[in-house]
N, C-alpha and C. Protein backbone atom coordinates (compact mmCIF):
# COMPACT_ATOMS: atom_id res chain seq x y z
N MET A 1 -32.47 -62.97 2.08
CA MET A 1 -33.30 -61.92 1.53
C MET A 1 -34.76 -62.25 1.77
N SER A 2 -35.50 -61.24 2.12
CA SER A 2 -36.92 -61.47 2.36
C SER A 2 -37.75 -61.31 1.09
N ALA A 3 -37.17 -60.77 0.03
CA ALA A 3 -37.86 -60.63 -1.25
C ALA A 3 -36.85 -60.92 -2.36
N PRO A 4 -37.32 -61.47 -3.48
CA PRO A 4 -36.39 -61.80 -4.56
C PRO A 4 -35.89 -60.56 -5.29
N CYS A 5 -34.72 -60.70 -5.87
CA CYS A 5 -34.11 -59.66 -6.69
C CYS A 5 -34.04 -60.21 -8.12
N CYS A 6 -34.35 -59.41 -9.10
CA CYS A 6 -34.32 -59.93 -10.47
C CYS A 6 -32.94 -59.82 -11.11
N GLY A 7 -32.06 -59.03 -10.54
CA GLY A 7 -30.73 -58.88 -11.10
C GLY A 7 -30.71 -57.91 -12.27
N ALA A 8 -29.56 -57.78 -12.88
CA ALA A 8 -29.40 -56.86 -14.00
C ALA A 8 -29.97 -57.45 -15.28
N ARG A 9 -30.35 -56.58 -16.19
CA ARG A 9 -30.83 -57.05 -17.49
C ARG A 9 -29.71 -57.76 -18.24
N ASP A 10 -28.50 -57.23 -18.13
CA ASP A 10 -27.32 -57.86 -18.72
C ASP A 10 -26.84 -58.90 -17.72
N LYS A 11 -27.03 -60.17 -18.04
CA LYS A 11 -26.73 -61.27 -17.11
C LYS A 11 -25.26 -61.69 -17.12
N ASN A 12 -24.41 -60.99 -17.88
CA ASN A 12 -22.98 -61.34 -17.88
C ASN A 12 -22.38 -61.09 -16.51
N ALA A 13 -21.49 -61.99 -16.11
CA ALA A 13 -20.79 -61.86 -14.83
C ALA A 13 -19.84 -60.67 -14.90
N PRO A 14 -19.48 -60.10 -13.73
CA PRO A 14 -18.48 -59.03 -13.73
C PRO A 14 -17.19 -59.50 -14.42
N LYS A 15 -16.52 -58.58 -15.08
CA LYS A 15 -15.26 -58.91 -15.76
C LYS A 15 -14.15 -59.19 -14.75
N ASP A 16 -14.28 -58.62 -13.55
CA ASP A 16 -13.27 -58.79 -12.52
C ASP A 16 -13.87 -58.36 -11.18
N ALA A 17 -13.25 -58.79 -10.11
CA ALA A 17 -13.64 -58.36 -8.76
C ALA A 17 -12.37 -58.30 -7.92
N ILE A 18 -12.18 -57.17 -7.25
CA ILE A 18 -11.02 -57.02 -6.37
C ILE A 18 -11.47 -56.35 -5.07
N TRP A 19 -10.69 -56.55 -4.02
CA TRP A 19 -10.96 -55.91 -2.73
C TRP A 19 -10.03 -54.73 -2.55
N LYS A 20 -10.55 -53.69 -1.94
CA LYS A 20 -9.77 -52.50 -1.59
C LYS A 20 -10.26 -51.99 -0.24
N THR A 21 -9.45 -51.15 0.36
CA THR A 21 -9.93 -50.38 1.51
C THR A 21 -10.01 -48.93 1.05
N VAL A 22 -11.03 -48.25 1.52
CA VAL A 22 -11.25 -46.85 1.13
C VAL A 22 -11.40 -46.00 2.38
N PRO A 23 -11.01 -44.73 2.31
CA PRO A 23 -11.08 -43.84 3.48
C PRO A 23 -12.48 -43.23 3.68
N HIS A 24 -13.44 -44.09 3.86
CA HIS A 24 -14.83 -43.66 4.09
C HIS A 24 -15.37 -44.46 5.26
N ARG A 25 -16.17 -43.83 6.08
CA ARG A 25 -16.78 -44.47 7.24
C ARG A 25 -17.95 -45.35 6.81
N LEU A 26 -17.98 -46.60 7.27
CA LEU A 26 -19.11 -47.49 7.06
C LEU A 26 -20.09 -47.31 8.20
N ILE A 27 -21.37 -47.18 7.87
CA ILE A 27 -22.42 -47.13 8.91
C ILE A 27 -23.56 -48.05 8.50
N PHE A 28 -24.34 -48.44 9.49
CA PHE A 28 -25.61 -49.14 9.26
C PHE A 28 -26.68 -48.27 9.89
N ALA A 29 -27.66 -47.89 9.11
CA ALA A 29 -28.67 -46.96 9.60
C ALA A 29 -30.04 -47.30 9.02
N GLY A 30 -31.05 -46.77 9.68
CA GLY A 30 -32.42 -46.98 9.25
C GLY A 30 -33.03 -48.16 9.98
N SER A 31 -34.23 -48.52 9.57
CA SER A 31 -34.91 -49.59 10.30
C SER A 31 -35.46 -50.69 9.40
N ALA A 32 -35.39 -50.53 8.10
CA ALA A 32 -35.91 -51.58 7.22
C ALA A 32 -35.37 -51.42 5.81
N HIS A 33 -35.28 -52.53 5.11
CA HIS A 33 -34.89 -52.55 3.71
C HIS A 33 -35.86 -53.47 2.99
N HIS A 34 -36.26 -53.09 1.79
CA HIS A 34 -37.29 -53.86 1.08
C HIS A 34 -36.84 -55.26 0.68
N TYR A 35 -35.56 -55.56 0.68
CA TYR A 35 -35.11 -56.92 0.37
C TYR A 35 -34.70 -57.71 1.60
N TRP A 36 -34.11 -57.05 2.60
CA TRP A 36 -33.54 -57.77 3.74
C TRP A 36 -34.44 -57.76 4.96
N GLY A 37 -35.39 -56.87 5.05
CA GLY A 37 -36.28 -56.84 6.20
C GLY A 37 -35.82 -55.82 7.24
N ALA A 38 -36.25 -56.04 8.49
CA ALA A 38 -36.00 -55.08 9.57
C ALA A 38 -34.52 -55.03 9.94
N GLY A 39 -33.99 -53.81 10.00
CA GLY A 39 -32.60 -53.60 10.38
C GLY A 39 -31.96 -52.53 9.52
N GLY A 40 -30.74 -52.16 9.89
CA GLY A 40 -30.04 -51.09 9.21
C GLY A 40 -29.47 -51.50 7.86
N CYS A 41 -29.39 -50.53 6.97
CA CYS A 41 -28.76 -50.71 5.65
C CYS A 41 -27.33 -50.18 5.72
N ALA A 42 -26.46 -50.73 4.90
CA ALA A 42 -25.06 -50.30 4.86
C ALA A 42 -24.92 -49.07 3.97
N TYR A 43 -24.17 -48.10 4.47
CA TYR A 43 -23.85 -46.90 3.70
C TYR A 43 -22.39 -46.54 3.96
N LEU A 44 -21.75 -45.95 2.97
CA LEU A 44 -20.45 -45.32 3.17
C LEU A 44 -20.70 -43.83 3.31
N HIS A 45 -20.02 -43.22 4.27
CA HIS A 45 -20.11 -41.76 4.40
C HIS A 45 -19.66 -41.18 3.06
N PRO A 46 -20.43 -40.25 2.48
CA PRO A 46 -20.07 -39.72 1.16
C PRO A 46 -18.75 -38.94 1.12
N GLU A 47 -18.31 -38.43 2.27
CA GLU A 47 -17.04 -37.69 2.31
C GLU A 47 -15.93 -38.59 2.82
N SER A 48 -14.77 -38.49 2.18
CA SER A 48 -13.64 -39.30 2.63
C SER A 48 -13.06 -38.74 3.92
N ASP A 49 -12.44 -39.63 4.69
CA ASP A 49 -11.82 -39.27 5.97
C ASP A 49 -10.60 -40.17 6.13
N PRO A 50 -9.39 -39.60 6.14
CA PRO A 50 -8.18 -40.42 6.21
C PRO A 50 -8.09 -41.27 7.49
N ASN A 51 -8.91 -40.96 8.49
CA ASN A 51 -8.90 -41.73 9.73
C ASN A 51 -9.86 -42.93 9.69
N GLU A 52 -10.59 -43.08 8.62
CA GLU A 52 -11.55 -44.19 8.48
C GLU A 52 -11.06 -45.17 7.42
N LYS A 53 -11.51 -46.42 7.57
CA LYS A 53 -11.13 -47.45 6.60
C LYS A 53 -12.30 -48.42 6.45
N SER A 54 -12.79 -48.54 5.24
CA SER A 54 -13.85 -49.50 4.94
C SER A 54 -13.37 -50.46 3.87
N HIS A 55 -13.78 -51.70 4.01
CA HIS A 55 -13.45 -52.74 3.04
C HIS A 55 -14.54 -52.76 1.98
N VAL A 56 -14.13 -52.73 0.71
CA VAL A 56 -15.10 -52.77 -0.38
C VAL A 56 -14.64 -53.79 -1.42
N CYS A 57 -15.59 -54.52 -1.95
CA CYS A 57 -15.33 -55.41 -3.08
C CYS A 57 -15.79 -54.66 -4.32
N ILE A 58 -14.88 -54.50 -5.24
CA ILE A 58 -15.14 -53.72 -6.45
C ILE A 58 -15.38 -54.68 -7.61
N TYR A 59 -16.52 -54.54 -8.23
CA TYR A 59 -16.88 -55.38 -9.38
C TYR A 59 -16.77 -54.56 -10.65
N LYS A 60 -16.09 -55.11 -11.64
CA LYS A 60 -15.98 -54.45 -12.94
C LYS A 60 -17.21 -54.85 -13.76
N ILE A 61 -18.19 -53.93 -13.78
CA ILE A 61 -19.46 -54.17 -14.47
C ILE A 61 -19.72 -53.04 -15.45
N THR A 62 -20.71 -53.24 -16.29
CA THR A 62 -21.06 -52.19 -17.26
C THR A 62 -21.86 -51.09 -16.57
N LEU A 63 -21.93 -49.95 -17.24
CA LEU A 63 -22.73 -48.84 -16.72
C LEU A 63 -24.22 -49.24 -16.67
N GLU A 64 -24.68 -50.02 -17.64
CA GLU A 64 -26.07 -50.49 -17.62
C GLU A 64 -26.31 -51.36 -16.37
N GLN A 65 -25.38 -52.26 -16.06
CA GLN A 65 -25.53 -53.10 -14.87
C GLN A 65 -25.53 -52.25 -13.60
N PHE A 66 -24.66 -51.24 -13.55
CA PHE A 66 -24.63 -50.35 -12.39
C PHE A 66 -25.98 -49.64 -12.24
N ASN A 67 -26.53 -49.16 -13.35
CA ASN A 67 -27.84 -48.50 -13.30
C ASN A 67 -28.93 -49.44 -12.80
N ASP A 68 -28.88 -50.70 -13.22
CA ASP A 68 -29.88 -51.67 -12.76
C ASP A 68 -29.75 -51.92 -11.26
N ILE A 69 -28.53 -52.00 -10.76
CA ILE A 69 -28.30 -52.17 -9.31
C ILE A 69 -28.81 -50.94 -8.57
N LEU A 70 -28.48 -49.77 -9.07
CA LEU A 70 -28.92 -48.52 -8.46
C LEU A 70 -30.45 -48.47 -8.38
N PHE A 71 -31.10 -48.86 -9.46
CA PHE A 71 -32.56 -48.86 -9.49
C PHE A 71 -33.12 -49.85 -8.46
N GLN A 72 -32.58 -51.07 -8.44
CA GLN A 72 -33.10 -52.11 -7.54
C GLN A 72 -32.83 -51.82 -6.07
N GLU A 73 -31.74 -51.16 -5.77
CA GLU A 73 -31.47 -50.82 -4.37
C GLU A 73 -32.42 -49.74 -3.86
N ASN A 74 -33.03 -49.02 -4.75
CA ASN A 74 -33.94 -47.95 -4.35
C ASN A 74 -35.42 -48.28 -4.52
N TYR A 75 -35.71 -49.24 -5.34
CA TYR A 75 -37.11 -49.62 -5.59
C TYR A 75 -37.23 -51.13 -5.54
N ARG A 76 -38.33 -51.61 -4.99
CA ARG A 76 -38.57 -53.05 -4.97
C ARG A 76 -38.89 -53.49 -6.40
N VAL A 77 -38.04 -54.35 -6.94
CA VAL A 77 -38.19 -54.81 -8.31
C VAL A 77 -38.21 -56.33 -8.30
N GLU A 78 -39.32 -56.90 -8.66
CA GLU A 78 -39.41 -58.36 -8.66
C GLU A 78 -39.27 -58.96 -10.05
N ASP A 79 -39.39 -58.15 -11.07
CA ASP A 79 -39.09 -58.65 -12.40
C ASP A 79 -38.50 -57.53 -13.25
N ILE A 80 -37.77 -57.94 -14.24
CA ILE A 80 -37.01 -57.00 -15.06
C ILE A 80 -37.90 -56.01 -15.79
N SER A 81 -39.14 -56.37 -16.11
CA SER A 81 -40.01 -55.47 -16.87
C SER A 81 -40.20 -54.13 -16.17
N ALA A 82 -40.16 -54.12 -14.83
CA ALA A 82 -40.30 -52.86 -14.09
C ALA A 82 -39.17 -51.90 -14.43
N MET A 83 -37.96 -52.44 -14.63
CA MET A 83 -36.82 -51.59 -14.95
C MET A 83 -36.91 -51.05 -16.37
N LEU A 84 -37.56 -51.77 -17.25
CA LEU A 84 -37.67 -51.33 -18.64
C LEU A 84 -38.47 -50.05 -18.77
N HIS A 85 -39.36 -49.80 -17.81
CA HIS A 85 -40.20 -48.61 -17.85
C HIS A 85 -39.63 -47.48 -16.99
N ALA A 86 -38.49 -47.71 -16.40
CA ALA A 86 -37.89 -46.71 -15.51
C ALA A 86 -37.24 -45.59 -16.31
N ALA A 87 -37.07 -44.47 -15.64
CA ALA A 87 -36.33 -43.35 -16.24
C ALA A 87 -34.86 -43.75 -16.23
N SER A 88 -34.42 -44.40 -17.28
CA SER A 88 -33.08 -44.96 -17.30
C SER A 88 -32.32 -44.36 -18.46
N PRO A 89 -31.05 -44.17 -18.38
CA PRO A 89 -30.26 -44.53 -17.21
C PRO A 89 -30.37 -43.48 -16.10
N LEU A 90 -30.21 -43.92 -14.88
CA LEU A 90 -30.20 -42.99 -13.75
C LEU A 90 -28.90 -42.20 -13.70
N ILE A 91 -27.82 -42.83 -14.17
CA ILE A 91 -26.52 -42.17 -14.25
C ILE A 91 -25.94 -42.48 -15.63
N ASN A 92 -25.35 -41.46 -16.26
CA ASN A 92 -24.81 -41.65 -17.61
C ASN A 92 -23.36 -41.18 -17.66
N LEU A 93 -22.77 -41.22 -18.84
CA LEU A 93 -21.35 -40.87 -18.98
C LEU A 93 -21.06 -39.43 -18.58
N SER A 94 -21.95 -38.50 -18.87
CA SER A 94 -21.69 -37.10 -18.48
C SER A 94 -21.72 -36.97 -16.95
N ASP A 95 -22.57 -37.75 -16.28
CA ASP A 95 -22.57 -37.75 -14.81
C ASP A 95 -21.24 -38.27 -14.27
N ILE A 96 -20.70 -39.29 -14.92
CA ILE A 96 -19.41 -39.84 -14.48
C ILE A 96 -18.30 -38.82 -14.68
N GLU A 97 -18.37 -38.05 -15.75
CA GLU A 97 -17.39 -36.97 -15.96
C GLU A 97 -17.48 -35.95 -14.83
N GLN A 98 -18.70 -35.60 -14.41
CA GLN A 98 -18.88 -34.68 -13.28
C GLN A 98 -18.30 -35.27 -12.00
N LEU A 99 -18.50 -36.57 -11.80
CA LEU A 99 -18.00 -37.23 -10.59
C LEU A 99 -16.48 -37.15 -10.49
N SER A 100 -15.79 -37.17 -11.63
CA SER A 100 -14.33 -37.10 -11.58
C SER A 100 -13.86 -35.78 -11.01
N LYS A 101 -14.71 -34.75 -11.09
CA LYS A 101 -14.36 -33.44 -10.55
C LYS A 101 -14.86 -33.22 -9.13
N LYS A 102 -16.10 -33.63 -8.85
CA LYS A 102 -16.66 -33.30 -7.54
C LYS A 102 -16.84 -34.48 -6.59
N LYS A 103 -16.53 -35.70 -7.01
CA LYS A 103 -16.49 -36.91 -6.18
C LYS A 103 -17.82 -37.46 -5.71
N SER A 104 -18.89 -36.67 -5.68
CA SER A 104 -20.20 -37.25 -5.34
C SER A 104 -21.29 -36.52 -6.11
N LEU A 105 -22.38 -37.23 -6.33
CA LEU A 105 -23.48 -36.69 -7.12
C LEU A 105 -24.78 -37.28 -6.59
N THR A 106 -25.70 -36.41 -6.20
CA THR A 106 -27.02 -36.88 -5.79
C THR A 106 -27.90 -36.96 -7.03
N ILE A 107 -28.52 -38.11 -7.22
CA ILE A 107 -29.36 -38.34 -8.39
C ILE A 107 -30.75 -37.77 -8.10
N GLU A 108 -31.13 -36.77 -8.86
CA GLU A 108 -32.39 -36.06 -8.62
C GLU A 108 -33.59 -36.99 -8.64
N ALA A 109 -33.63 -37.95 -9.57
CA ALA A 109 -34.76 -38.87 -9.66
C ALA A 109 -34.88 -39.77 -8.43
N LEU A 110 -33.80 -39.87 -7.65
CA LEU A 110 -33.79 -40.73 -6.46
C LEU A 110 -33.75 -39.93 -5.17
N LYS A 111 -34.02 -38.63 -5.25
CA LYS A 111 -33.86 -37.73 -4.11
C LYS A 111 -34.50 -38.25 -2.82
N SER A 112 -35.66 -38.88 -2.91
CA SER A 112 -36.36 -39.35 -1.72
C SER A 112 -36.01 -40.80 -1.36
N CYS A 113 -35.05 -41.39 -2.05
CA CYS A 113 -34.68 -42.80 -1.84
C CYS A 113 -33.46 -42.92 -0.92
N SER A 114 -33.21 -44.13 -0.45
CA SER A 114 -32.10 -44.38 0.48
C SER A 114 -30.73 -44.25 -0.17
N TYR A 115 -30.55 -44.89 -1.32
CA TYR A 115 -29.25 -44.88 -2.00
C TYR A 115 -29.32 -43.89 -3.16
N ASN A 116 -29.33 -42.60 -2.82
CA ASN A 116 -29.57 -41.57 -3.83
C ASN A 116 -28.31 -40.83 -4.27
N THR A 117 -27.17 -41.23 -3.75
CA THR A 117 -25.93 -40.52 -4.03
C THR A 117 -24.89 -41.49 -4.58
N ILE A 118 -24.20 -41.06 -5.63
CA ILE A 118 -23.11 -41.84 -6.21
C ILE A 118 -21.81 -41.17 -5.78
N VAL A 119 -20.87 -41.97 -5.32
CA VAL A 119 -19.57 -41.46 -4.90
C VAL A 119 -18.50 -42.15 -5.73
N GLN A 120 -17.55 -41.36 -6.23
CA GLN A 120 -16.39 -41.94 -6.90
C GLN A 120 -15.31 -42.16 -5.86
N LEU A 121 -14.95 -43.42 -5.65
CA LEU A 121 -13.97 -43.78 -4.62
C LEU A 121 -12.53 -43.74 -5.12
N GLY A 122 -12.35 -43.57 -6.40
CA GLY A 122 -11.01 -43.56 -6.98
C GLY A 122 -11.08 -44.10 -8.39
N MET A 123 -9.93 -44.59 -8.86
CA MET A 123 -9.82 -45.15 -10.21
C MET A 123 -9.13 -46.50 -10.11
N GLU A 124 -9.47 -47.38 -11.02
CA GLU A 124 -8.82 -48.69 -11.14
C GLU A 124 -8.78 -49.03 -12.62
N GLU A 125 -7.57 -49.26 -13.15
CA GLU A 125 -7.40 -49.54 -14.58
C GLU A 125 -8.05 -48.46 -15.45
N ASN A 126 -7.87 -47.21 -15.07
CA ASN A 126 -8.42 -46.06 -15.79
C ASN A 126 -9.95 -46.01 -15.83
N LEU A 127 -10.59 -46.74 -14.93
CA LEU A 127 -12.05 -46.71 -14.81
C LEU A 127 -12.42 -46.18 -13.44
N PRO A 128 -13.49 -45.38 -13.35
CA PRO A 128 -13.90 -44.87 -12.04
C PRO A 128 -14.48 -45.98 -11.17
N ILE A 129 -14.14 -45.93 -9.89
CA ILE A 129 -14.73 -46.84 -8.90
C ILE A 129 -15.93 -46.10 -8.32
N LEU A 130 -17.13 -46.60 -8.61
CA LEU A 130 -18.35 -45.94 -8.16
C LEU A 130 -19.06 -46.78 -7.11
N THR A 131 -19.68 -46.10 -6.16
CA THR A 131 -20.55 -46.77 -5.21
C THR A 131 -21.80 -45.94 -5.01
N LEU A 132 -22.84 -46.59 -4.53
CA LEU A 132 -24.06 -45.87 -4.20
C LEU A 132 -24.18 -45.82 -2.69
N THR A 133 -24.66 -44.70 -2.19
CA THR A 133 -24.78 -44.50 -0.75
C THR A 133 -25.86 -43.46 -0.48
N CYS A 134 -25.94 -43.04 0.76
CA CYS A 134 -26.92 -42.02 1.14
C CYS A 134 -26.33 -40.62 0.92
N ALA A 135 -27.19 -39.63 0.98
CA ALA A 135 -26.77 -38.24 0.84
C ALA A 135 -26.13 -37.75 2.14
N LEU A 136 -25.32 -36.72 2.03
CA LEU A 136 -24.70 -36.11 3.21
C LEU A 136 -25.77 -35.63 4.19
N SER A 137 -26.91 -35.16 3.68
CA SER A 137 -28.00 -34.72 4.57
C SER A 137 -28.53 -35.89 5.40
N ASP A 138 -28.49 -37.11 4.85
CA ASP A 138 -28.91 -38.29 5.63
C ASP A 138 -27.91 -38.59 6.74
N ILE A 139 -26.63 -38.35 6.49
CA ILE A 139 -25.61 -38.52 7.54
C ILE A 139 -25.92 -37.54 8.67
N ASP A 140 -26.26 -36.31 8.32
CA ASP A 140 -26.64 -35.32 9.35
C ASP A 140 -27.86 -35.79 10.14
N ARG A 141 -28.82 -36.40 9.46
CA ARG A 141 -30.01 -36.92 10.14
C ARG A 141 -29.64 -38.10 11.05
N CYS A 142 -28.62 -38.86 10.69
CA CYS A 142 -28.12 -39.93 11.58
C CYS A 142 -27.45 -39.32 12.81
N LYS A 143 -26.67 -38.27 12.59
CA LYS A 143 -26.00 -37.60 13.71
C LYS A 143 -27.01 -37.05 14.71
N SER A 144 -28.12 -36.51 14.21
CA SER A 144 -29.13 -35.92 15.09
C SER A 144 -30.01 -36.97 15.76
N GLY A 145 -29.94 -38.21 15.27
CA GLY A 145 -30.79 -39.27 15.82
C GLY A 145 -32.10 -39.43 15.08
N GLU A 146 -32.37 -38.56 14.11
CA GLU A 146 -33.61 -38.67 13.33
C GLU A 146 -33.66 -40.00 12.58
N ILE A 147 -32.51 -40.40 12.02
CA ILE A 147 -32.36 -41.74 11.43
C ILE A 147 -31.46 -42.51 12.39
N PRO A 148 -31.94 -43.61 12.96
CA PRO A 148 -31.12 -44.33 13.93
C PRO A 148 -30.03 -45.17 13.29
N LEU A 149 -28.87 -45.22 13.96
CA LEU A 149 -27.88 -46.23 13.61
C LEU A 149 -28.44 -47.53 14.16
N SER A 150 -28.43 -48.58 13.35
CA SER A 150 -29.01 -49.85 13.81
C SER A 150 -28.33 -51.02 13.12
N PRO A 151 -28.24 -52.15 13.81
CA PRO A 151 -27.57 -53.30 13.21
C PRO A 151 -28.31 -53.81 11.98
N PRO A 152 -27.56 -54.39 11.06
CA PRO A 152 -28.21 -54.95 9.87
C PRO A 152 -29.02 -56.19 10.25
N PRO A 153 -30.00 -56.56 9.43
CA PRO A 153 -30.71 -57.81 9.66
C PRO A 153 -29.71 -58.98 9.68
N PRO A 154 -29.94 -59.99 10.49
CA PRO A 154 -28.98 -61.10 10.60
C PRO A 154 -28.57 -61.73 9.27
N LYS A 155 -29.51 -61.96 8.36
CA LYS A 155 -29.15 -62.57 7.07
C LYS A 155 -28.23 -61.66 6.26
N TYR A 156 -28.47 -60.36 6.33
CA TYR A 156 -27.64 -59.38 5.64
C TYR A 156 -26.25 -59.36 6.27
N ALA A 157 -26.18 -59.31 7.59
CA ALA A 157 -24.88 -59.33 8.29
C ALA A 157 -24.10 -60.59 7.93
N ASN A 158 -24.77 -61.73 7.89
CA ASN A 158 -24.09 -62.98 7.56
C ASN A 158 -23.51 -62.97 6.16
N ILE A 159 -24.23 -62.38 5.20
CA ILE A 159 -23.72 -62.26 3.83
C ILE A 159 -22.47 -61.37 3.81
N LEU A 160 -22.52 -60.27 4.54
CA LEU A 160 -21.37 -59.36 4.59
C LEU A 160 -20.17 -60.03 5.23
N ILE A 161 -20.40 -60.72 6.34
CA ILE A 161 -19.31 -61.43 7.03
C ILE A 161 -18.71 -62.49 6.12
N LYS A 162 -19.56 -63.26 5.47
CA LYS A 162 -19.09 -64.30 4.54
C LYS A 162 -18.21 -63.69 3.45
N GLY A 163 -18.64 -62.56 2.88
CA GLY A 163 -17.86 -61.90 1.84
C GLY A 163 -16.51 -61.42 2.34
N LEU A 164 -16.49 -60.81 3.52
CA LEU A 164 -15.23 -60.31 4.09
C LEU A 164 -14.26 -61.45 4.38
N VAL A 165 -14.79 -62.58 4.86
CA VAL A 165 -13.94 -63.73 5.17
C VAL A 165 -13.46 -64.41 3.89
N GLU A 166 -14.38 -64.70 2.97
CA GLU A 166 -14.00 -65.35 1.72
C GLU A 166 -13.10 -64.46 0.87
N GLY A 167 -13.25 -63.15 0.99
CA GLY A 167 -12.39 -62.22 0.27
C GLY A 167 -11.05 -62.00 0.95
N LYS A 168 -10.83 -62.73 2.04
CA LYS A 168 -9.57 -62.70 2.80
C LYS A 168 -9.24 -61.31 3.34
N GLN A 169 -10.30 -60.57 3.70
CA GLN A 169 -10.10 -59.25 4.29
C GLN A 169 -10.00 -59.33 5.81
N LEU A 170 -10.84 -60.16 6.41
CA LEU A 170 -10.91 -60.26 7.87
C LEU A 170 -11.24 -61.70 8.26
N THR A 171 -10.91 -62.04 9.51
CA THR A 171 -11.40 -63.31 10.05
C THR A 171 -12.88 -63.14 10.37
N GLU A 172 -13.56 -64.22 10.69
CA GLU A 172 -14.98 -64.12 11.02
C GLU A 172 -15.20 -63.23 12.24
N ALA A 173 -14.35 -63.39 13.26
CA ALA A 173 -14.49 -62.56 14.47
C ALA A 173 -14.22 -61.09 14.16
N GLU A 174 -13.20 -60.82 13.34
CA GLU A 174 -12.90 -59.44 12.95
C GLU A 174 -14.03 -58.83 12.13
N ALA A 175 -14.62 -59.62 11.24
CA ALA A 175 -15.72 -59.13 10.40
C ALA A 175 -16.94 -58.80 11.25
N LEU A 176 -17.24 -59.64 12.23
CA LEU A 176 -18.36 -59.37 13.13
C LEU A 176 -18.11 -58.10 13.93
N ASP A 177 -16.88 -57.93 14.41
CA ASP A 177 -16.53 -56.72 15.16
C ASP A 177 -16.61 -55.48 14.25
N TYR A 178 -16.14 -55.62 13.03
CA TYR A 178 -16.18 -54.53 12.04
C TYR A 178 -17.62 -54.05 11.84
N ILE A 179 -18.55 -54.97 11.70
CA ILE A 179 -19.96 -54.62 11.52
C ILE A 179 -20.53 -54.02 12.80
N ASN A 180 -20.19 -54.59 13.95
CA ASN A 180 -20.69 -54.05 15.22
C ASN A 180 -20.20 -52.62 15.46
N VAL A 181 -18.94 -52.35 15.14
CA VAL A 181 -18.40 -50.99 15.30
C VAL A 181 -19.12 -50.03 14.36
N ALA A 182 -19.35 -50.45 13.12
CA ALA A 182 -20.05 -49.59 12.15
C ALA A 182 -21.47 -49.28 12.60
N THR A 183 -22.04 -50.17 13.38
CA THR A 183 -23.40 -49.99 13.88
C THR A 183 -23.46 -49.08 15.09
N SER A 184 -22.42 -49.14 15.91
CA SER A 184 -22.52 -48.49 17.23
C SER A 184 -21.65 -47.25 17.41
N LYS A 185 -20.61 -47.08 16.63
CA LYS A 185 -19.70 -45.94 16.78
C LYS A 185 -20.41 -44.65 16.40
N LYS A 186 -20.36 -43.67 17.31
CA LYS A 186 -21.03 -42.38 17.04
C LYS A 186 -20.42 -41.70 15.83
N LEU A 187 -21.27 -40.99 15.12
CA LEU A 187 -20.81 -40.22 13.96
C LEU A 187 -20.22 -38.90 14.41
């Protein structure tokens, strides 16, 4: 990381973590991230596609922790006090109820940010599996070339590869290929 992350206000570890595959396309797009530096950021296509498969590690965290992650992925936050003054929560229980019906929700307060859309990927133990990603309009901008598909910064790619290997999802060579395909395969 090129800049520090302060983490969630609630410092408790996730209650659980499991790996799943989801029918959403993984892409790397853009040219910079405020924590990782120059290179593409990871996004899941907001719409599911039975022909696509992405590996995701699901962490069982609180809604407050999810909101803190959502805030930090969209704004450079070097200390927790910045989050205390934010319009929080960015997503609440009524938003989650809406997600169960329509599967994705663009957060109005984050409209101009990279990770402005919440997608419900399914359910696990009667809890919604939520992820943050870009808006469908950003996918269209990637298709047109306005937002370039680009490889992630090397440190970011290495963290992703390490997670996929340690999570027993892929070998190191398969994980590298997985990231390269997500970077180069046309939308």
